[in-house]
N, C-alpha and C. Protein backbone atom coordinates (compact mmCIF):
# COMPACT_ATOMS: atom_id res chain seq x y z
N THR A 1 0.83 -1.20 0.00
CA THR A 1 0.00 0.00 0.00
C THR A 1 0.86 1.25 0.00
N ILE A 2 1.88 1.24 0.83
CA ILE A 2 2.76 2.41 0.93
C ILE A 2 3.49 2.65 -0.38
N LEU A 3 3.98 1.57 -0.99
CA LEU A 3 4.72 1.73 -2.25
C LEU A 3 3.81 2.23 -3.37
N TYR A 4 2.58 1.76 -3.42
CA TYR A 4 1.67 2.25 -4.45
C TYR A 4 1.34 3.73 -4.22
N ILE A 5 1.26 4.16 -2.99
CA ILE A 5 1.02 5.58 -2.71
C ILE A 5 2.22 6.41 -3.13
N ILE A 6 3.42 5.91 -2.85
CA ILE A 6 4.64 6.62 -3.28
C ILE A 6 4.70 6.68 -4.80
N LEU A 7 4.37 5.57 -5.46
CA LEU A 7 4.37 5.56 -6.92
C LEU A 7 3.31 6.51 -7.48
N CYS A 8 2.16 6.59 -6.82
CA CYS A 8 1.13 7.53 -7.24
C CYS A 8 1.62 8.97 -7.11
N LYS A 9 2.31 9.25 -6.03
CA LYS A 9 2.86 10.60 -5.83
C LYS A 9 3.89 10.92 -6.91
N ILE A 10 4.74 9.95 -7.25
CA ILE A 10 5.72 10.16 -8.32
C ILE A 10 5.00 10.45 -9.64
N PHE A 11 3.94 9.70 -9.93
CA PHE A 11 3.17 9.91 -11.15
C PHE A 11 2.55 11.31 -11.16
N LEU A 12 1.96 11.70 -10.05
CA LEU A 12 1.32 13.01 -9.99
C LEU A 12 2.33 14.15 -10.06
N GLU A 13 3.53 13.94 -9.51
CA GLU A 13 4.56 14.96 -9.59
C GLU A 13 4.93 15.28 -11.02
N THR A 14 4.78 14.31 -11.90
CA THR A 14 5.12 14.51 -13.30
C THR A 14 4.16 15.48 -13.97
N PHE A 15 2.89 15.44 -13.59
CA PHE A 15 1.88 16.22 -14.28
C PHE A 15 1.31 17.38 -13.49
N ALA A 16 1.50 17.42 -12.19
CA ALA A 16 0.94 18.50 -11.37
C ALA A 16 1.71 19.79 -11.61
N LYS A 17 0.98 20.87 -11.65
CA LYS A 17 1.60 22.17 -11.90
C LYS A 17 2.18 22.76 -10.62
N ARG A 18 1.46 22.58 -9.54
CA ARG A 18 1.87 23.14 -8.26
C ARG A 18 2.07 22.04 -7.25
N ARG A 19 2.74 22.39 -6.17
CA ARG A 19 2.96 21.42 -5.10
C ARG A 19 3.12 22.16 -3.79
N SER A 20 2.57 21.58 -2.75
CA SER A 20 2.71 22.16 -1.42
C SER A 20 4.18 22.12 -1.02
N GLY A 21 4.68 23.17 -0.44
CA GLY A 21 6.09 23.24 -0.08
C GLY A 21 6.41 22.65 1.28
N HIS A 22 5.41 22.22 2.01
CA HIS A 22 5.62 21.71 3.35
C HIS A 22 5.86 20.19 3.31
N VAL A 23 7.10 19.79 3.56
CA VAL A 23 7.46 18.37 3.50
C VAL A 23 6.80 17.59 4.63
N SER A 24 6.80 18.15 5.84
CA SER A 24 6.20 17.44 6.97
C SER A 24 4.69 17.28 6.77
N TYR A 25 4.05 18.28 6.20
CA TYR A 25 2.62 18.21 5.89
C TYR A 25 2.35 17.09 4.89
N THR A 26 3.18 16.99 3.87
CA THR A 26 3.05 15.94 2.86
C THR A 26 3.25 14.56 3.47
N ILE A 27 4.25 14.42 4.32
CA ILE A 27 4.53 13.13 4.95
C ILE A 27 3.37 12.69 5.84
N VAL A 28 2.82 13.63 6.61
CA VAL A 28 1.69 13.30 7.48
C VAL A 28 0.48 12.88 6.65
N LEU A 29 0.18 13.63 5.59
CA LEU A 29 -0.96 13.29 4.75
C LEU A 29 -0.78 11.92 4.08
N LEU A 30 0.44 11.63 3.60
CA LEU A 30 0.70 10.34 2.98
C LEU A 30 0.63 9.21 4.00
N GLY A 31 1.05 9.47 5.23
CA GLY A 31 0.94 8.48 6.29
C GLY A 31 -0.51 8.17 6.63
N VAL A 32 -1.31 9.22 6.75
CA VAL A 32 -2.74 9.04 7.03
C VAL A 32 -3.40 8.27 5.88
N LEU A 33 -3.06 8.63 4.65
CA LEU A 33 -3.62 7.93 3.49
C LEU A 33 -3.22 6.46 3.49
N SER A 34 -1.98 6.17 3.84
CA SER A 34 -1.52 4.78 3.89
C SER A 34 -2.30 3.98 4.91
N VAL A 35 -2.48 4.53 6.09
CA VAL A 35 -3.22 3.83 7.14
C VAL A 35 -4.68 3.62 6.72
N LEU A 36 -5.31 4.66 6.19
CA LEU A 36 -6.71 4.55 5.78
C LEU A 36 -6.88 3.51 4.67
N GLU A 37 -5.99 3.53 3.68
CA GLU A 37 -6.09 2.55 2.59
C GLU A 37 -5.85 1.14 3.09
N TYR A 38 -4.92 0.97 4.01
CA TYR A 38 -4.66 -0.36 4.56
C TYR A 38 -5.86 -0.88 5.33
N VAL A 39 -6.44 -0.04 6.17
CA VAL A 39 -7.61 -0.44 6.95
C VAL A 39 -8.78 -0.76 6.01
N LEU A 40 -8.98 0.08 5.00
CA LEU A 40 -10.04 -0.19 4.03
C LEU A 40 -9.81 -1.50 3.30
N SER A 41 -8.56 -1.78 2.95
CA SER A 41 -8.24 -3.02 2.25
C SER A 41 -8.57 -4.24 3.09
N ILE A 42 -8.38 -4.12 4.39
CA ILE A 42 -8.69 -5.25 5.27
C ILE A 42 -10.20 -5.41 5.44
N PHE A 43 -10.90 -4.31 5.76
CA PHE A 43 -12.32 -4.41 6.06
C PHE A 43 -13.19 -4.61 4.82
N LEU A 44 -12.73 -4.12 3.68
CA LEU A 44 -13.53 -4.25 2.46
C LEU A 44 -12.89 -5.24 1.47
N SER A 45 -12.19 -6.24 1.98
CA SER A 45 -11.48 -7.17 1.11
C SER A 45 -12.43 -7.98 0.22
N ASP A 46 -13.67 -8.17 0.65
CA ASP A 46 -14.63 -8.94 -0.14
C ASP A 46 -15.41 -8.07 -1.13
N PHE A 47 -15.25 -6.76 -1.04
CA PHE A 47 -16.01 -5.84 -1.88
C PHE A 47 -15.04 -5.02 -2.74
N MET A 48 -14.63 -5.59 -3.87
CA MET A 48 -13.58 -5.00 -4.69
C MET A 48 -13.95 -3.62 -5.25
N ILE A 49 -15.11 -3.48 -5.83
CA ILE A 49 -15.47 -2.22 -6.48
C ILE A 49 -15.68 -1.09 -5.46
N PRO A 50 -16.44 -1.30 -4.40
CA PRO A 50 -16.56 -0.21 -3.41
C PRO A 50 -15.21 0.17 -2.80
N LYS A 51 -14.38 -0.84 -2.55
CA LYS A 51 -13.05 -0.56 -1.99
C LYS A 51 -12.24 0.31 -2.94
N ALA A 52 -12.25 -0.04 -4.23
CA ALA A 52 -11.48 0.72 -5.22
C ALA A 52 -12.00 2.16 -5.33
N VAL A 53 -13.32 2.32 -5.33
CA VAL A 53 -13.90 3.67 -5.44
C VAL A 53 -13.52 4.52 -4.23
N ILE A 54 -13.63 3.95 -3.04
CA ILE A 54 -13.30 4.71 -1.83
C ILE A 54 -11.81 5.06 -1.80
N ILE A 55 -10.96 4.13 -2.19
CA ILE A 55 -9.52 4.40 -2.20
C ILE A 55 -9.18 5.48 -3.22
N ILE A 56 -9.82 5.45 -4.37
CA ILE A 56 -9.58 6.49 -5.39
C ILE A 56 -10.05 7.85 -4.87
N LEU A 57 -11.21 7.89 -4.22
CA LEU A 57 -11.71 9.16 -3.69
C LEU A 57 -10.81 9.69 -2.57
N LEU A 58 -10.38 8.80 -1.67
CA LEU A 58 -9.46 9.23 -0.60
C LEU A 58 -8.15 9.75 -1.19
N GLY A 59 -7.62 9.02 -2.16
CA GLY A 59 -6.38 9.46 -2.81
C GLY A 59 -6.54 10.80 -3.50
N THR A 60 -7.69 11.00 -4.12
CA THR A 60 -7.96 12.28 -4.79
C THR A 60 -7.97 13.43 -3.80
N ILE A 61 -8.63 13.23 -2.68
CA ILE A 61 -8.71 14.29 -1.67
C ILE A 61 -7.33 14.61 -1.10
N VAL A 62 -6.59 13.58 -0.71
CA VAL A 62 -5.27 13.80 -0.10
C VAL A 62 -4.30 14.39 -1.11
N MET A 63 -4.27 13.86 -2.32
CA MET A 63 -3.32 14.36 -3.32
C MET A 63 -3.68 15.77 -3.78
N SER A 64 -4.97 16.12 -3.77
CA SER A 64 -5.32 17.50 -4.12
C SER A 64 -4.85 18.47 -3.04
N CYS A 65 -4.80 18.00 -1.80
CA CYS A 65 -4.25 18.83 -0.72
C CYS A 65 -2.73 18.96 -0.87
N ILE A 66 -2.07 17.88 -1.23
CA ILE A 66 -0.61 17.90 -1.38
C ILE A 66 -0.19 18.75 -2.56
N PHE A 67 -0.87 18.58 -3.70
CA PHE A 67 -0.46 19.26 -4.92
C PHE A 67 -1.20 20.56 -5.18
N GLU A 68 -2.16 20.88 -4.31
CA GLU A 68 -2.92 22.12 -4.41
C GLU A 68 -3.48 22.32 -5.82
N GLU A 69 -4.08 21.25 -6.33
CA GLU A 69 -4.71 21.26 -7.65
C GLU A 69 -6.20 21.05 -7.49
N LYS A 70 -6.95 21.25 -8.56
CA LYS A 70 -8.39 21.00 -8.54
C LYS A 70 -8.66 19.51 -8.38
N LEU A 71 -9.76 19.21 -7.70
CA LEU A 71 -10.13 17.82 -7.45
C LEU A 71 -10.32 17.03 -8.75
N LEU A 72 -10.95 17.62 -9.75
CA LEU A 72 -11.20 16.89 -11.00
C LEU A 72 -9.91 16.57 -11.73
N ARG A 73 -8.95 17.47 -11.71
CA ARG A 73 -7.66 17.21 -12.37
C ARG A 73 -6.93 16.07 -11.66
N ILE A 74 -6.90 16.12 -10.33
CA ILE A 74 -6.24 15.05 -9.57
C ILE A 74 -6.98 13.73 -9.75
N LEU A 75 -8.32 13.78 -9.76
CA LEU A 75 -9.11 12.56 -9.97
C LEU A 75 -8.77 11.93 -11.32
N GLY A 76 -8.67 12.74 -12.35
CA GLY A 76 -8.30 12.23 -13.67
C GLY A 76 -6.92 11.60 -13.67
N LEU A 77 -5.97 12.26 -13.02
CA LEU A 77 -4.61 11.71 -12.95
C LEU A 77 -4.56 10.41 -12.14
N ILE A 78 -5.31 10.36 -11.05
CA ILE A 78 -5.34 9.14 -10.24
C ILE A 78 -6.01 8.00 -11.00
N LEU A 79 -7.05 8.32 -11.77
CA LEU A 79 -7.67 7.28 -12.59
C LEU A 79 -6.70 6.76 -13.65
N LEU A 80 -5.91 7.65 -14.23
CA LEU A 80 -4.87 7.21 -15.17
C LEU A 80 -3.84 6.33 -14.48
N PHE A 81 -3.45 6.71 -13.27
CA PHE A 81 -2.49 5.92 -12.51
C PHE A 81 -3.07 4.55 -12.17
N GLN A 82 -4.33 4.50 -11.76
CA GLN A 82 -4.97 3.23 -11.44
C GLN A 82 -5.04 2.34 -12.68
N GLY A 83 -5.33 2.93 -13.82
CA GLY A 83 -5.32 2.16 -15.06
C GLY A 83 -3.95 1.60 -15.36
N LEU A 84 -2.93 2.39 -15.11
CA LEU A 84 -1.55 1.93 -15.29
C LEU A 84 -1.22 0.81 -14.32
N CYS A 85 -1.71 0.92 -13.09
CA CYS A 85 -1.51 -0.14 -12.09
C CYS A 85 -2.18 -1.44 -12.53
N PHE A 86 -3.41 -1.34 -13.01
CA PHE A 86 -4.12 -2.54 -13.47
C PHE A 86 -3.39 -3.16 -14.67
N ALA A 87 -2.88 -2.33 -15.56
CA ALA A 87 -2.16 -2.85 -16.73
C ALA A 87 -0.89 -3.58 -16.30
N THR A 88 -0.13 -3.00 -15.37
CA THR A 88 1.09 -3.68 -14.92
C THR A 88 0.77 -4.94 -14.13
N ASP A 89 -0.33 -4.92 -13.36
CA ASP A 89 -0.75 -6.13 -12.66
C ASP A 89 -1.09 -7.24 -13.66
N TYR A 90 -1.79 -6.88 -14.73
CA TYR A 90 -2.15 -7.87 -15.73
C TYR A 90 -0.91 -8.41 -16.44
N ILE A 91 0.03 -7.52 -16.77
CA ILE A 91 1.26 -7.95 -17.43
C ILE A 91 2.04 -8.91 -16.53
N SER A 92 2.16 -8.58 -15.25
CA SER A 92 2.90 -9.46 -14.35
C SER A 92 2.17 -10.78 -14.14
N TRP A 93 0.83 -10.75 -14.09
CA TRP A 93 0.05 -11.98 -13.97
C TRP A 93 0.23 -12.86 -15.21
N ALA A 94 0.18 -12.25 -16.40
CA ALA A 94 0.36 -13.00 -17.64
C ALA A 94 1.78 -13.57 -17.71
N PHE A 95 2.75 -12.78 -17.28
CA PHE A 95 4.14 -13.25 -17.28
C PHE A 95 4.30 -14.46 -16.37
N LEU A 96 3.78 -14.38 -15.16
CA LEU A 96 3.90 -15.51 -14.23
C LEU A 96 3.15 -16.74 -14.72
N ASN A 97 1.98 -16.55 -15.33
CA ASN A 97 1.25 -17.70 -15.87
C ASN A 97 2.00 -18.36 -17.02
N ASN A 98 2.71 -17.57 -17.82
CA ASN A 98 3.48 -18.15 -18.92
C ASN A 98 4.77 -18.80 -18.44
N VAL A 99 5.43 -18.18 -17.47
CA VAL A 99 6.68 -18.73 -16.96
C VAL A 99 6.41 -20.00 -16.16
N PHE A 100 5.37 -19.97 -15.36
CA PHE A 100 5.04 -21.11 -14.52
C PHE A 100 3.81 -21.85 -15.07
N ALA A 101 3.77 -22.07 -16.37
CA ALA A 101 2.62 -22.71 -17.00
C ALA A 101 2.40 -24.14 -16.53
N SER A 102 3.48 -24.82 -16.18
CA SER A 102 3.35 -26.22 -15.77
C SER A 102 2.89 -26.38 -14.32
N ILE A 103 2.91 -25.29 -13.56
CA ILE A 103 2.50 -25.35 -12.15
C ILE A 103 0.98 -25.35 -12.08
N GLN A 104 0.46 -26.04 -11.11
CA GLN A 104 -0.98 -26.10 -10.92
C GLN A 104 -1.55 -24.70 -10.70
N GLN A 105 -2.75 -24.52 -11.17
CA GLN A 105 -3.41 -23.21 -11.03
C GLN A 105 -3.59 -22.82 -9.56
N ASP A 106 -3.77 -23.80 -8.68
CA ASP A 106 -3.94 -23.49 -7.26
C ASP A 106 -2.70 -22.84 -6.67
N TYR A 107 -1.52 -23.21 -7.15
CA TYR A 107 -0.29 -22.65 -6.61
C TYR A 107 -0.14 -21.18 -7.00
N THR A 108 -0.64 -20.80 -8.17
CA THR A 108 -0.52 -19.40 -8.59
C THR A 108 -1.38 -18.48 -7.74
N LEU A 109 -2.31 -19.05 -6.97
CA LEU A 109 -3.16 -18.24 -6.10
C LEU A 109 -2.64 -18.15 -4.67
N THR A 110 -1.50 -18.76 -4.39
CA THR A 110 -0.95 -18.73 -3.04
C THR A 110 -0.42 -17.34 -2.71
N THR A 111 -0.22 -17.11 -1.44
CA THR A 111 0.28 -15.81 -0.98
C THR A 111 1.66 -15.51 -1.55
N ASN A 112 2.52 -16.52 -1.61
CA ASN A 112 3.87 -16.29 -2.13
C ASN A 112 3.84 -15.85 -3.59
N MET A 113 3.02 -16.49 -4.39
CA MET A 113 2.94 -16.11 -5.80
C MET A 113 2.29 -14.74 -5.96
N GLN A 114 1.31 -14.43 -5.12
CA GLN A 114 0.70 -13.10 -5.19
C GLN A 114 1.71 -12.02 -4.79
N MET A 115 2.54 -12.32 -3.80
CA MET A 115 3.59 -11.39 -3.39
C MET A 115 4.61 -11.20 -4.51
N PHE A 116 4.97 -12.30 -5.14
CA PHE A 116 5.92 -12.23 -6.26
C PHE A 116 5.33 -11.42 -7.41
N MET A 117 4.04 -11.63 -7.69
CA MET A 117 3.38 -10.86 -8.74
C MET A 117 3.34 -9.37 -8.38
N ALA A 118 3.09 -9.06 -7.12
CA ALA A 118 3.07 -7.66 -6.69
C ALA A 118 4.43 -7.01 -6.84
N ILE A 119 5.49 -7.75 -6.53
CA ILE A 119 6.84 -7.21 -6.68
C ILE A 119 7.15 -6.92 -8.14
N ILE A 120 6.85 -7.89 -8.99
CA ILE A 120 7.08 -7.68 -10.42
C ILE A 120 6.27 -6.50 -10.93
N SER A 121 5.03 -6.41 -10.50
CA SER A 121 4.16 -5.33 -10.92
C SER A 121 4.69 -3.97 -10.47
N GLN A 122 5.15 -3.89 -9.22
CA GLN A 122 5.66 -2.62 -8.70
C GLN A 122 6.96 -2.20 -9.39
N ILE A 123 7.82 -3.16 -9.66
CA ILE A 123 9.06 -2.83 -10.36
C ILE A 123 8.76 -2.36 -11.78
N LEU A 124 7.85 -3.06 -12.46
CA LEU A 124 7.45 -2.66 -13.81
C LEU A 124 6.80 -1.28 -13.79
N LEU A 125 5.93 -1.05 -12.83
CA LEU A 125 5.28 0.25 -12.70
C LEU A 125 6.30 1.36 -12.46
N PHE A 126 7.27 1.09 -11.60
CA PHE A 126 8.31 2.09 -11.33
C PHE A 126 9.10 2.40 -12.60
N CYS A 127 9.45 1.38 -13.36
CA CYS A 127 10.20 1.61 -14.60
C CYS A 127 9.38 2.42 -15.60
N ILE A 128 8.09 2.11 -15.70
CA ILE A 128 7.21 2.87 -16.59
C ILE A 128 7.11 4.33 -16.13
N LEU A 129 7.03 4.53 -14.82
CA LEU A 129 6.97 5.91 -14.30
C LEU A 129 8.25 6.67 -14.59
N LEU A 130 9.40 6.00 -14.51
CA LEU A 130 10.66 6.65 -14.87
C LEU A 130 10.65 7.09 -16.33
N VAL A 131 10.15 6.22 -17.20
CA VAL A 131 10.08 6.55 -18.63
C VAL A 131 9.11 7.71 -18.86
N ILE A 132 7.96 7.68 -18.20
CA ILE A 132 6.98 8.77 -18.33
C ILE A 132 7.59 10.08 -17.84
N LYS A 133 8.25 10.02 -16.70
CA LYS A 133 8.87 11.23 -16.15
C LYS A 133 9.95 11.75 -17.08
N LYS A 134 10.73 10.85 -17.65
CA LYS A 134 11.78 11.23 -18.60
C LYS A 134 11.17 11.89 -19.83
N ARG A 135 10.05 11.36 -20.27
CA ARG A 135 9.40 11.86 -21.48
C ARG A 135 8.75 13.22 -21.27
N PHE A 136 8.07 13.40 -20.16
CA PHE A 136 7.30 14.62 -19.95
C PHE A 136 8.06 15.71 -19.21
N VAL A 137 9.00 15.35 -18.37
CA VAL A 137 9.74 16.35 -17.60
C VAL A 137 11.02 16.75 -18.31
N LYS A 138 11.45 15.93 -19.24
CA LYS A 138 12.71 16.17 -19.99
C LYS A 138 13.89 16.27 -19.05
N GLN A 139 13.97 15.30 -18.14
CA GLN A 139 15.04 15.26 -17.15
C GLN A 139 16.02 14.16 -17.54
N ASP A 140 17.30 14.46 -17.50
CA ASP A 140 18.32 13.48 -17.83
C ASP A 140 18.46 12.49 -16.68
N PHE A 141 18.55 11.17 -17.01
CA PHE A 141 18.67 10.15 -15.96
C PHE A 141 19.98 10.33 -15.18
N ALA A 142 20.98 10.88 -15.81
CA ALA A 142 22.25 11.09 -15.11
C ALA A 142 22.14 12.21 -14.10
N MET A 143 21.12 13.03 -14.23
CA MET A 143 20.96 14.19 -13.35
C MET A 143 19.87 13.96 -12.30
N LEU A 144 19.71 12.72 -11.86
CA LEU A 144 18.72 12.45 -10.84
C LEU A 144 19.11 13.12 -9.53
N THR A 145 18.12 13.62 -8.83
CA THR A 145 18.39 14.25 -7.54
C THR A 145 18.63 13.18 -6.49
N ARG A 146 19.10 13.60 -5.35
CA ARG A 146 19.37 12.68 -4.25
C ARG A 146 18.10 11.93 -3.83
N MET A 147 16.97 12.64 -3.79
CA MET A 147 15.71 12.01 -3.41
C MET A 147 15.28 10.97 -4.45
N GLU A 148 15.48 11.25 -5.73
CA GLU A 148 15.11 10.28 -6.76
C GLU A 148 16.00 9.05 -6.70
N TRP A 149 17.28 9.22 -6.39
CA TRP A 149 18.16 8.05 -6.23
C TRP A 149 17.72 7.22 -5.03
N LEU A 150 17.27 7.90 -3.98
CA LEU A 150 16.75 7.18 -2.82
C LEU A 150 15.52 6.36 -3.19
N ARG A 151 14.65 6.93 -4.02
CA ARG A 151 13.48 6.20 -4.49
C ARG A 151 13.89 4.98 -5.32
N VAL A 152 14.90 5.14 -6.16
CA VAL A 152 15.37 4.02 -6.99
C VAL A 152 15.90 2.91 -6.09
N MET A 153 16.52 3.25 -4.98
CA MET A 153 17.12 2.25 -4.10
C MET A 153 16.08 1.54 -3.23
N VAL A 154 14.89 2.11 -3.06
CA VAL A 154 13.87 1.48 -2.23
C VAL A 154 13.42 0.15 -2.83
N PHE A 155 13.29 0.08 -4.13
CA PHE A 155 12.73 -1.11 -4.76
C PHE A 155 13.63 -2.33 -4.67
N PRO A 156 14.94 -2.24 -4.89
CA PRO A 156 15.76 -3.44 -4.68
C PRO A 156 15.73 -3.92 -3.23
N VAL A 157 15.74 -3.00 -2.28
CA VAL A 157 15.69 -3.38 -0.88
C VAL A 157 14.36 -4.07 -0.59
N PHE A 158 13.26 -3.53 -1.07
CA PHE A 158 11.95 -4.14 -0.88
C PHE A 158 11.92 -5.52 -1.53
N THR A 159 12.49 -5.65 -2.71
CA THR A 159 12.52 -6.94 -3.40
C THR A 159 13.30 -7.97 -2.61
N ILE A 160 14.44 -7.58 -2.08
CA ILE A 160 15.26 -8.50 -1.28
C ILE A 160 14.50 -8.94 -0.03
N ILE A 161 13.91 -8.01 0.67
CA ILE A 161 13.16 -8.33 1.89
C ILE A 161 11.98 -9.23 1.57
N SER A 162 11.27 -8.93 0.50
CA SER A 162 10.11 -9.75 0.12
C SER A 162 10.53 -11.15 -0.29
N THR A 163 11.62 -11.26 -1.02
CA THR A 163 12.09 -12.58 -1.44
C THR A 163 12.53 -13.41 -0.23
N ILE A 164 13.20 -12.78 0.71
CA ILE A 164 13.61 -13.49 1.92
C ILE A 164 12.39 -13.93 2.71
N SER A 165 11.41 -13.05 2.84
CA SER A 165 10.22 -13.41 3.60
C SER A 165 9.41 -14.51 2.90
N MET A 166 9.41 -14.52 1.58
CA MET A 166 8.71 -15.59 0.85
C MET A 166 9.42 -16.92 1.02
N SER A 167 10.72 -16.86 1.10
CA SER A 167 11.48 -18.12 1.29
C SER A 167 11.23 -18.68 2.66
């Protein structure tokens, strides 16, 4: 949940015109959003569509506060991001089904395989976001800021921790 929120923020940073200058305010809002989305994911796990709608609306409200943009503009960007998330989830699911075609279908539904699919999806999503940012912001990859390098380093660490925990 936290990584998807961070990835959403990266996506919105690419297209948002303005941004709140208060870092602590942004961190608090993102923390509250993370907790709310996690709690919603647990309590509404059986209700996919209402859960998705509520999470999108919460994200829209919080991100409009962070980026100081109109609600409709942020809603449109979040819907684009969610579409990108669904596309990367589908790509990672198709990849795993093709790579592990000989494995029983029941095994692909286990927690370990779902975690592996989420990791692949998040890495793919991050790479796509880097390409989008490169395309629209016209920023050279060699000129990444310290914060962007920190973001790049989060994913290998997360992958290592997830792989160890799956083992």
